């Protein structure tokens, strides 16, 4: 059973969510509406997904079961919420606006909306990745969950953890991509072709993740298996331990979390 969706904002994240939800039959093109100020973006979304898209709002807003707030933190989301109160205060409102809290959203109107705040993962094409979700008292999990789970796994968490989810979880693939680049560059530096280095690194990433999943072992246990006395693995481990590798990753995560907090503090 599909739901009717009205999305404010047609950026990359909204597109990824809609693409996955359409693919997994949580949405249908004929009941999916997107509004965006960029006319080229509107045309693209219409042609690509056969949904309804426009620069201005229509009666579709009044009929939507779920309204998705997909604008930027610096955009005028206060005005959008006032429009929702006027046109469809009974809808389930889901916000993906980074750093903007449920309290801030609720304060924008005098009407108690059914608000849910979500930090969506960026792996919507794969079915992997967790989205952090927190709900207001009026939010109806039965209505929103089929939509939320159509583009990944869902973790219902306290709102104070959402900034952590943004900097750690949502930005998480970025850390992996950076590691992949560093690893493949090392392979090329060692004498492999780029094609060979990419293939080997990708296979190792997939295999190592699967090994963690099926073995149930701590990574240190798996390292002990691979790092025999005086061998190749322990020589590489020594260099990693002497580097800033771990601290660099941790500092990047903390910086991303802080940036999320800073964005929310501006409103």
C-alpha atoms as a PDB file:
ATOM      1  CA  UNK A   1       0.000   0.000   0.000  1.00  0.00           C
ATOM      2  CA  UNK A   2       1.462   3.331  -1.067  1.00  0.00           C
ATOM      3  CA  UNK A   3       1.180   6.673   0.689  1.00  0.00           C
ATOM      4  CA  UNK A   4       0.765  10.176  -0.668  1.00  0.00           C
ATOM      5  CA  UNK A   5       3.796  12.416  -0.226  1.00  0.00           C
ATOM      6  CA  UNK A   6       4.361  16.140  -0.592  1.00  0.00           C
ATOM      7  CA  UNK A   7       7.993  17.265  -0.428  1.00  0.00           C
ATOM      8  CA  UNK A   8       9.226  20.794   0.077  1.00  0.00           C
ATOM      9  CA  UNK A   9      12.598  20.870  -1.662  1.00  0.00           C
ATOM     10  CA  UNK A  10      13.818  18.680  -4.487  1.00  0.00           C
ATOM     11  CA  UNK A  11      17.528  18.413  -3.712  1.00  0.00           C
ATOM     12  CA  UNK A  12      19.802  15.387  -3.878  1.00  0.00           C
ATOM     13  CA  UNK A  13      18.708  13.860  -0.566  1.00  0.00           C
ATOM     14  CA  UNK A  14      14.996  14.222  -1.298  1.00  0.00           C
ATOM     15  CA  UNK A  15      15.573  12.723  -4.727  1.00  0.00           C
ATOM     16  CA  UNK A  16      17.450   9.751  -3.247  1.00  0.00           C
ATOM     17  CA  UNK A  17      14.666   9.140  -0.730  1.00  0.00           C
ATOM     18  CA  UNK A  18      11.938   9.337  -3.371  1.00  0.00           C
ATOM     19  CA  UNK A  19      13.875   7.136  -5.782  1.00  0.00           C
ATOM     20  CA  UNK A  20      14.243   4.389  -3.162  1.00  0.00           C
ATOM     21  CA  UNK A  21      10.646   4.745  -1.932  1.00  0.00           C
ATOM     22  CA  UNK A  22       9.321   4.471  -5.487  1.00  0.00           C
ATOM     23  CA  UNK A  23      11.520   1.448  -6.160  1.00  0.00           C
ATOM     24  CA  UNK A  24      10.299  -0.270  -2.990  1.00  0.00           C
ATOM     25  CA  UNK A  25       6.640   0.587  -3.681  1.00  0.00           C
ATOM     26  CA  UNK A  26       6.177   2.793  -0.611  1.00  0.00           C
ATOM     27  CA  UNK A  27       5.331   5.647  -2.986  1.00  0.00           C
ATOM     28  CA  UNK A  28       3.561   5.795  -6.322  1.00  0.00           C
ATOM     29  CA  UNK A  29       4.443   8.421  -8.960  1.00  0.00           C
ATOM     30  CA  UNK A  30       0.860   9.651  -9.228  1.00  0.00           C
ATOM     31  CA  UNK A  31       0.668  10.497  -5.496  1.00  0.00           C
ATOM     32  CA  UNK A  32       4.154  11.968  -5.114  1.00  0.00           C
ATOM     33  CA  UNK A  33       4.514  15.749  -5.345  1.00  0.00           C
ATOM     34  CA  UNK A  34       7.653  17.878  -5.033  1.00  0.00           C
ATOM     35  CA  UNK A  35       7.944  21.631  -4.995  1.00  0.00           C
ATOM     36  CA  UNK A  36      11.231  23.426  -5.583  1.00  0.00           C
ATOM     37  CA  UNK A  37      12.225  26.999  -6.483  1.00  0.00           C
ATOM     38  CA  UNK A  38      14.606  25.718  -9.174  1.00  0.00           C
ATOM     39  CA  UNK A  39      12.656  25.283 -12.416  1.00  0.00           C
ATOM     40  CA  UNK A  40      15.346  23.073 -13.960  1.00  0.00           C
ATOM     41  CA  UNK A  41      15.221  20.808 -10.945  1.00  0.00           C
ATOM     42  CA  UNK A  42      11.434  20.599 -11.201  1.00  0.00           C
ATOM     43  CA  UNK A  43      11.635  19.611 -14.871  1.00  0.00           C
ATOM     44  CA  UNK A  44      14.306  17.021 -14.162  1.00  0.00           C
ATOM     45  CA  UNK A  45      12.307  15.342 -11.362  1.00  0.00           C
ATOM     46  CA  UNK A  46       9.177  15.218 -13.487  1.00  0.00           C
ATOM     47  CA  UNK A  47      10.940  13.624 -16.424  1.00  0.00           C
ATOM     48  CA  UNK A  48      13.116  11.259 -14.388  1.00  0.00           C
ATOM     49  CA  UNK A  49      10.487   9.813 -12.032  1.00  0.00           C
ATOM     50  CA  UNK A  50       7.164  10.702 -13.657  1.00  0.00           C
ATOM     51  CA  UNK A  51       6.065  12.435 -10.451  1.00  0.00           C
ATOM     52  CA  UNK A  52       4.342  15.788 -10.139  1.00  0.00           C
ATOM     53  CA  UNK A  53       6.710  18.683  -9.490  1.00  0.00           C
ATOM     54  CA  UNK A  54       6.226  22.435  -9.581  1.00  0.00           C
ATOM     55  CA  UNK A  55       7.651  25.742  -8.416  1.00  0.00           C
ATOM     56  CA  UNK A  56       4.499  26.631  -6.481  1.00  0.00           C
ATOM     57  CA  UNK A  57       2.208  24.627  -4.204  1.00  0.00           C
ATOM     58  CA  UNK A  58      -1.143  23.137  -5.227  1.00  0.00           C
ATOM     59  CA  UNK A  59      -4.043  21.225  -3.727  1.00  0.00           C
ATOM     60  CA  UNK A  60      -1.733  18.198  -3.492  1.00  0.00           C
ATOM     61  CA  UNK A  61      -0.528  19.637  -0.199  1.00  0.00           C
ATOM     62  CA  UNK A  62      -4.014  19.353   1.262  1.00  0.00           C
ATOM     63  CA  UNK A  63      -4.252  15.677   0.329  1.00  0.00           C
ATOM     64  CA  UNK A  64      -0.807  14.488   1.417  1.00  0.00           C
ATOM     65  CA  UNK A  65      -0.522  11.915   4.187  1.00  0.00           C
ATOM     66  CA  UNK A  66       3.161  12.718   4.686  1.00  0.00           C
ATOM     67  CA  UNK A  67       4.825  16.092   4.162  1.00  0.00           C
ATOM     68  CA  UNK A  68       8.598  15.993   3.827  1.00  0.00           C
ATOM     69  CA  UNK A  69      10.614  19.072   4.778  1.00  0.00           C
ATOM     70  CA  UNK A  70      13.684  18.799   2.568  1.00  0.00           C
ATOM     71  CA  UNK A  71      14.930  22.375   2.538  1.00  0.00           C
ATOM     72  CA  UNK A  72      18.228  23.711   3.886  1.00  0.00           C
ATOM     73  CA  UNK A  73      18.631  24.908   7.502  1.00  0.00           C
ATOM     74  CA  UNK A  74      19.136  28.467   6.267  1.00  0.00           C
ATOM     75  CA  UNK A  75      15.928  28.450   4.199  1.00  0.00           C
ATOM     76  CA  UNK A  76      12.640  29.882   5.472  1.00  0.00           C
ATOM     77  CA  UNK A  77      11.210  26.693   6.919  1.00  0.00           C
ATOM     78  CA  UNK A  78       9.164  28.777   9.368  1.00  0.00           C
ATOM     79  CA  UNK A  79       7.033  30.024   6.478  1.00  0.00           C
ATOM     80  CA  UNK A  80       6.666  26.496   5.130  1.00  0.00           C
ATOM     81  CA  UNK A  81       5.340  25.263   8.481  1.00  0.00           C
ATOM     82  CA  UNK A  82       2.814  28.090   8.556  1.00  0.00           C
ATOM     83  CA  UNK A  83       1.649  27.011   5.105  1.00  0.00           C
ATOM     84  CA  UNK A  84       1.259  23.436   6.328  1.00  0.00           C
ATOM     85  CA  UNK A  85      -0.822  24.612   9.304  1.00  0.00           C
ATOM     86  CA  UNK A  86      -3.070  26.508   6.932  1.00  0.00           C
ATOM     87  CA  UNK A  87      -3.454  23.798   4.296  1.00  0.00           C
ATOM     88  CA  UNK A  88      -3.014  20.405   5.994  1.00  0.00           C
ATOM     89  CA  UNK A  89      -2.409  20.413   9.768  1.00  0.00           C
ATOM     90  CA  UNK A  90      -3.410  16.723  10.054  1.00  0.00           C
ATOM     91  CA  UNK A  91      -0.549  15.391   7.941  1.00  0.00           C
ATOM     92  CA  UNK A  92       2.511  13.593   9.269  1.00  0.00           C
ATOM     93  CA  UNK A  93       5.357  16.099   8.904  1.00  0.00           C
ATOM     94  CA  UNK A  94       8.842  14.630   8.517  1.00  0.00           C
ATOM     95  CA  UNK A  95      11.845  16.948   8.640  1.00  0.00           C
ATOM     96  CA  UNK A  96      15.307  16.172   7.288  1.00  0.00           C
ATOM     97  CA  UNK A  97      16.533  19.710   8.001  1.00  0.00           C
ATOM     98  CA  UNK A  98      19.949  19.257   9.595  1.00  0.00           C
ATOM     99  CA  UNK A  99      20.364  20.745  13.064  1.00  0.00           C
ATOM    100  CA  UNK A 100      16.787  22.022  13.453  1.00  0.00           C
ATOM    101  CA  UNK A 101      15.120  20.464  16.496  1.00  0.00           C
ATOM    102  CA  UNK A 102      11.552  19.337  17.068  1.00  0.00           C
ATOM    103  CA  UNK A 103      11.202  22.157  19.577  1.00  0.00           C
ATOM    104  CA  UNK A 104      12.292  24.708  16.991  1.00  0.00           C
ATOM    105  CA  UNK A 105       9.884  23.267  14.436  1.00  0.00           C
ATOM    106  CA  UNK A 106       7.007  23.242  16.925  1.00  0.00           C
ATOM    107  CA  UNK A 107       7.731  26.824  17.999  1.00  0.00           C
ATOM    108  CA  UNK A 108       7.171  28.040  14.444  1.00  0.00           C
ATOM    109  CA  UNK A 109       3.412  27.517  14.751  1.00  0.00           C
ATOM    110  CA  UNK A 110       0.679  27.682  17.367  1.00  0.00           C
ATOM    111  CA  UNK A 111      -0.740  24.366  16.204  1.00  0.00           C
ATOM    112  CA  UNK A 112       0.560  21.006  17.410  1.00  0.00           C
ATOM    113  CA  UNK A 113       1.677  19.202  14.267  1.00  0.00           C
ATOM    114  CA  UNK A 114       2.576  15.506  14.032  1.00  0.00           C
ATOM    115  CA  UNK A 115       6.312  16.080  13.740  1.00  0.00           C
ATOM    116  CA  UNK A 116       9.066  13.568  13.104  1.00  0.00           C
ATOM    117  CA  UNK A 117      12.693  14.475  12.676  1.00  0.00           C
ATOM    118  CA  UNK A 118      14.947  12.153  10.718  1.00  0.00           C
ATOM    119  CA  UNK A 119      18.610  12.135   9.812  1.00  0.00           C
ATOM    120  CA  UNK A 120      18.518   9.998   6.655  1.00  0.00           C
ATOM    121  CA  UNK A 121      21.426   7.852   5.609  1.00  0.00           C
ATOM    122  CA  UNK A 122      22.994   8.449   2.187  1.00  0.00           C
ATOM    123  CA  UNK A 123      23.023   4.776   1.185  1.00  0.00           C
ATOM    124  CA  UNK A 124      19.421   4.699  -0.029  1.00  0.00           C
ATOM    125  CA  UNK A 125      20.361   2.844  -3.216  1.00  0.00           C
ATOM    126  CA  UNK A 126      21.751  -0.114  -1.268  1.00  0.00           C
ATOM    127  CA  UNK A 127      19.260  -0.746   1.528  1.00  0.00           C
ATOM    128  CA  UNK A 128      22.116  -0.412   4.017  1.00  0.00           C
ATOM    129  CA  UNK A 129      22.637   2.349   6.545  1.00  0.00           C
ATOM    130  CA  UNK A 130      20.632   3.553   9.531  1.00  0.00           C
ATOM    131  CA  UNK A 131      18.504   6.672   9.653  1.00  0.00           C
ATOM    132  CA  UNK A 132      18.205   8.246  13.096  1.00  0.00           C
ATOM    133  CA  UNK A 133      14.583   9.084  13.913  1.00  0.00           C
ATOM    134  CA  UNK A 134      12.906  10.949  16.749  1.00  0.00           C
ATOM    135  CA  UNK A 135       9.158  11.585  17.002  1.00  0.00           C
ATOM    136  CA  UNK A 136       6.847  14.034  18.705  1.00  0.00           C
ATOM    137  CA  UNK A 137       3.927  12.730  20.739  1.00  0.00           C
ATOM    138  CA  UNK A 138       1.507  13.207  17.843  1.00  0.00           C
ATOM    139  CA  UNK A 139       3.593  11.385  15.230  1.00  0.00           C
ATOM    140  CA  UNK A 140       2.002   8.157  14.018  1.00  0.00           C
ATOM    141  CA  UNK A 141       4.644   5.439  13.656  1.00  0.00           C
ATOM    142  CA  UNK A 142       2.230   3.137  11.825  1.00  0.00           C
ATOM    143  CA  UNK A 143       1.881   5.700   9.018  1.00  0.00           C
ATOM    144  CA  UNK A 144       5.461   6.899   8.736  1.00  0.00           C
ATOM    145  CA  UNK A 145       7.435   3.673   9.209  1.00  0.00           C
ATOM    146  CA  UNK A 146       6.666   2.032   5.830  1.00  0.00           C
ATOM    147  CA  UNK A 147       7.975   5.190   4.190  1.00  0.00           C
ATOM    148  CA  UNK A 148      11.054   5.486   6.423  1.00  0.00           C
ATOM    149  CA  UNK A 149      12.069   1.848   6.016  1.00  0.00           C
ATOM    150  CA  UNK A 150      11.740   2.064   2.236  1.00  0.00           C
ATOM    151  CA  UNK A 151      15.124   3.801   2.046  1.00  0.00           C
ATOM    152  CA  UNK A 152      17.113   1.985   4.753  1.00  0.00           C
ATOM    153  CA  UNK A 153      17.061   0.828   8.344  1.00  0.00           C
ATOM    154  CA  UNK A 154      15.534   2.951  11.125  1.00  0.00           C
ATOM    155  CA  UNK A 155      16.851   3.620  14.620  1.00  0.00           C
ATOM    156  CA  UNK A 156      14.452   5.457  16.953  1.00  0.00           C
ATOM    157  CA  UNK A 157      16.684   7.482  19.248  1.00  0.00           C
ATOM    158  CA  UNK A 158      16.524  10.412  21.695  1.00  0.00           C
ATOM    159  CA  UNK A 159      16.754  13.707  19.868  1.00  0.00           C
ATOM    160  CA  UNK A 160      19.982  14.665  21.633  1.00  0.00           C
ATOM    161  CA  UNK A 161      21.683  11.864  19.674  1.00  0.00           C
ATOM    162  CA  UNK A 162      20.607  13.129  16.255  1.00  0.00           C
ATOM    163  CA  UNK A 163      23.560  15.484  15.815  1.00  0.00           C
ATOM    164  CA  UNK A 164      25.818  12.514  16.533  1.00  0.00           C
ATOM    165  CA  UNK A 165      23.944  10.492  13.934  1.00  0.00           C
ATOM    166  CA  UNK A 166      24.490  13.265  11.398  1.00  0.00           C
ATOM    167  CA  UNK A 167      28.222  13.599  11.940  1.00  0.00           C
ATOM    168  CA  UNK A 168      28.882   9.904  12.448  1.00  0.00           C
ATOM    169  CA  UNK A 169      26.208   7.975  10.583  1.00  0.00           C
ATOM    170  CA  UNK A 170      25.127  10.187   7.700  1.00  0.00           C
ATOM    171  CA  UNK A 171      28.677  11.327   6.992  1.00  0.00           C
ATOM    172  CA  UNK A 172      29.917   7.782   7.629  1.00  0.00           C
ATOM    173  CA  UNK A 173      30.217   6.745   3.964  1.00  0.00           C
ATOM    174  CA  UNK A 174      32.502   9.748   3.423  1.00  0.00           C
ATOM    175  CA  UNK A 175      35.030   8.288   5.847  1.00  0.00           C
ATOM    176  CA  UNK A 176      34.886   4.952   4.033  1.00  0.00           C
ATOM    177  CA  UNK A 177      35.290   6.616   0.627  1.00  0.00           C
ATOM    178  CA  UNK A 178      38.337   8.481   1.882  1.00  0.00           C
ATOM    179  CA  UNK A 179      39.837   5.268   3.223  1.00  0.00           C
ATOM    180  CA  UNK A 180      39.148   3.562  -0.103  1.00  0.00           C
ATOM    181  CA  UNK A 181      40.955   6.330  -2.003  1.00  0.00           C
ATOM    182  CA  UNK A 182      43.936   6.180   0.354  1.00  0.00           C
ATOM    183  CA  UNK A 183      44.112   2.403   0.056  1.00  0.00           C
ATOM    184  CA  UNK A 184      43.878   2.321  -3.725  1.00  0.00           C
ATOM    185  CA  UNK A 185      46.478   5.071  -4.029  1.00  0.00           C
ATOM    186  CA  UNK A 186      48.749   2.914  -1.879  1.00  0.00           C
ATOM    187  CA  UNK A 187      48.227   0.008  -4.263  1.00  0.00           C
ATOM    188  CA  UNK A 188      49.146   2.168  -7.245  1.00  0.00           C
ATOM    189  CA  UNK A 189      52.152   3.509  -5.342  1.00  0.00           C
ATOM    190  CA  UNK A 190      53.230  -0.076  -4.709  1.00  0.00           C
ATOM    191  CA  UNK A 191      53.048  -0.928  -8.417  1.00  0.00           C
ATOM    192  CA  UNK A 192      49.507  -2.140  -9.167  1.00  0.00           C
ATOM    193  CA  UNK A 193      47.387  -0.631 -11.910  1.00  0.00           C
ATOM    194  CA  UNK A 194      44.506   1.593 -10.813  1.00  0.00           C
ATOM    195  CA  UNK A 195      42.050  -1.035 -12.021  1.00  0.00           C
ATOM    196  CA  UNK A 196      43.753  -3.759  -9.987  1.00  0.00           C
ATOM    197  CA  UNK A 197      44.027  -1.596  -6.875  1.00  0.00           C
ATOM    198  CA  UNK A 198      40.355  -0.601  -7.039  1.00  0.00           C
ATOM    199  CA  UNK A 199      39.192  -4.194  -7.492  1.00  0.00           C
ATOM    200  CA  UNK A 200      41.302  -5.575  -4.634  1.00  0.00           C
ATOM    201  CA  UNK A 201      40.389  -2.757  -2.233  1.00  0.00           C
ATOM    202  CA  UNK A 202      36.662  -3.064  -2.929  1.00  0.00           C
ATOM    203  CA  UNK A 203      36.747  -6.816  -2.422  1.00  0.00           C
ATOM    204  CA  UNK A 204      38.638  -6.403   0.850  1.00  0.00           C
ATOM    205  CA  UNK A 205      36.165  -3.773   2.094  1.00  0.00           C
ATOM    206  CA  UNK A 206      33.177  -5.976   1.345  1.00  0.00           C
ATOM    207  CA  UNK A 207      34.837  -9.094   2.696  1.00  0.00           C
ATOM    208  CA  UNK A 208      36.101  -7.482   5.895  1.00  0.00           C
ATOM    209  CA  UNK A 209      32.652  -6.016   6.644  1.00  0.00           C
ATOM    210  CA  UNK A 210      31.083  -9.409   6.044  1.00  0.00           C
ATOM    211  CA  UNK A 211      33.699 -11.077   8.245  1.00  0.00           C
ATOM    212  CA  UNK A 212      32.849  -8.751  11.121  1.00  0.00           C
ATOM    213  CA  UNK A 213      29.174  -9.512  10.626  1.00  0.00           C
ATOM    214  CA  UNK A 214      29.323 -13.313  10.412  1.00  0.00           C
ATOM    215  CA  UNK A 215      32.158 -13.997  12.866  1.00  0.00           C
ATOM    216  CA  UNK A 216      30.876 -11.895  15.762  1.00  0.00           C
ATOM    217  CA  UNK A 217      34.501 -11.293  16.666  1.00  0.00           C
ATOM    218  CA  UNK A 218      35.981  -8.011  17.849  1.00  0.00           C
ATOM    219  CA  UNK A 219      38.184  -6.376  15.179  1.00  0.00           C
ATOM    220  CA  UNK A 220      41.196  -6.841  17.453  1.00  0.00           C
ATOM    221  CA  UNK A 221      40.576 -10.599  17.380  1.00  0.00           C
ATOM    222  CA  UNK A 222      40.521 -10.596  13.590  1.00  0.00           C
ATOM    223  CA  UNK A 223      43.695  -8.510  13.532  1.00  0.00           C
ATOM    224  CA  UNK A 224      45.373 -11.063  15.783  1.00  0.00           C
ATOM    225  CA  UNK A 225      44.471 -13.784  13.296  1.00  0.00           C
ATOM    226  CA  UNK A 226      45.972 -11.799  10.394  1.00  0.00           C
ATOM    227  CA  UNK A 227      49.032 -10.413  12.201  1.00  0.00           C
ATOM    228  CA  UNK A 228      51.394 -13.344  12.708  1.00  0.00           C
ATOM    229  CA  UNK A 229      54.654 -12.860  14.601  1.00  0.00           C
ATOM    230  CA  UNK A 230      57.219 -10.949  12.574  1.00  0.00           C
ATOM    231  CA  UNK A 231      54.955 -11.049   9.532  1.00  0.00           C
ATOM    232  CA  UNK A 232      53.628  -8.679   6.899  1.00  0.00           C
ATOM    233  CA  UNK A 233      50.431  -7.771   8.742  1.00  0.00           C
ATOM    234  CA  UNK A 234      52.068  -6.758  11.999  1.00  0.00           C
ATOM    235  CA  UNK A 235      54.627  -4.643  10.096  1.00  0.00           C
ATOM    236  CA  UNK A 236      51.761  -2.723   8.493  1.00  0.00           C
ATOM    237  CA  UNK A 237      49.970  -2.517  11.849  1.00  0.00           C
ATOM    238  CA  UNK A 238      53.023  -0.929  13.429  1.00  0.00           C
ATOM    239  CA  UNK A 239      52.973   1.880  10.851  1.00  0.00           C
ATOM    240  CA  UNK A 240      49.250   2.467  11.332  1.00  0.00           C
ATOM    241  CA  UNK A 241      49.668   2.569  15.106  1.00  0.00           C
ATOM    242  CA  UNK A 242      52.484   5.117  14.763  1.00  0.00           C
ATOM    243  CA  UNK A 243      50.416   7.343  12.453  1.00  0.00           C
ATOM    244  CA  UNK A 244      47.536   9.760  13.078  1.00  0.00           C
ATOM    245  CA  UNK A 245      45.119   7.473  11.231  1.00  0.00           C
ATOM    246  CA  UNK A 246      42.750   6.713  14.117  1.00  0.00           C
ATOM    247  CA  UNK A 247      42.850  10.227  15.535  1.00  0.00           C
ATOM    248  CA  UNK A 248      42.236  11.694  12.092  1.00  0.00           C
ATOM    249  CA  UNK A 249      39.043   9.686  11.650  1.00  0.00           C
ATOM    250  CA  UNK A 250      37.858  10.494  15.168  1.00  0.00           C
ATOM    251  CA  UNK A 251      38.593  14.206  14.774  1.00  0.00           C
ATOM    252  CA  UNK A 252      36.713  14.247  11.460  1.00  0.00           C
ATOM    253  CA  UNK A 253      33.642  12.707  13.126  1.00  0.00           C
ATOM    254  CA  UNK A 254      33.756  15.174  16.025  1.00  0.00           C
ATOM    255  CA  UNK A 255      34.114  18.097  13.588  1.00  0.00           C
ATOM    256  CA  UNK A 256      31.104  16.885  11.618  1.00  0.00           C
ATOM    257  CA  UNK A 257      29.032  16.557  14.804  1.00  0.00           C
ATOM    258  CA  UNK A 258      30.043  20.063  15.886  1.00  0.00           C
ATOM    259  CA  UNK A 259      29.129  21.500  12.473  1.00  0.00           C
ATOM    260  CA  UNK A 260      25.682  19.941  12.736  1.00  0.00           C
ATOM    261  CA  UNK A 261      25.223  21.487  16.171  1.00  0.00           C
ATOM    262  CA  UNK A 262      26.394  24.868  14.880  1.00  0.00           C
ATOM    263  CA  UNK A 263      23.904  24.780  11.985  1.00  0.00           C
ATOM    264  CA  UNK A 264      21.037  24.080  14.357  1.00  0.00           C
ATOM    265  CA  UNK A 265      22.144  26.852  16.725  1.00  0.00           C
ATOM    266  CA  UNK A 266      21.682  29.488  14.040  1.00  0.00           C
ATOM    267  CA  UNK A 267      17.878  29.185  14.162  1.00  0.00           C
END
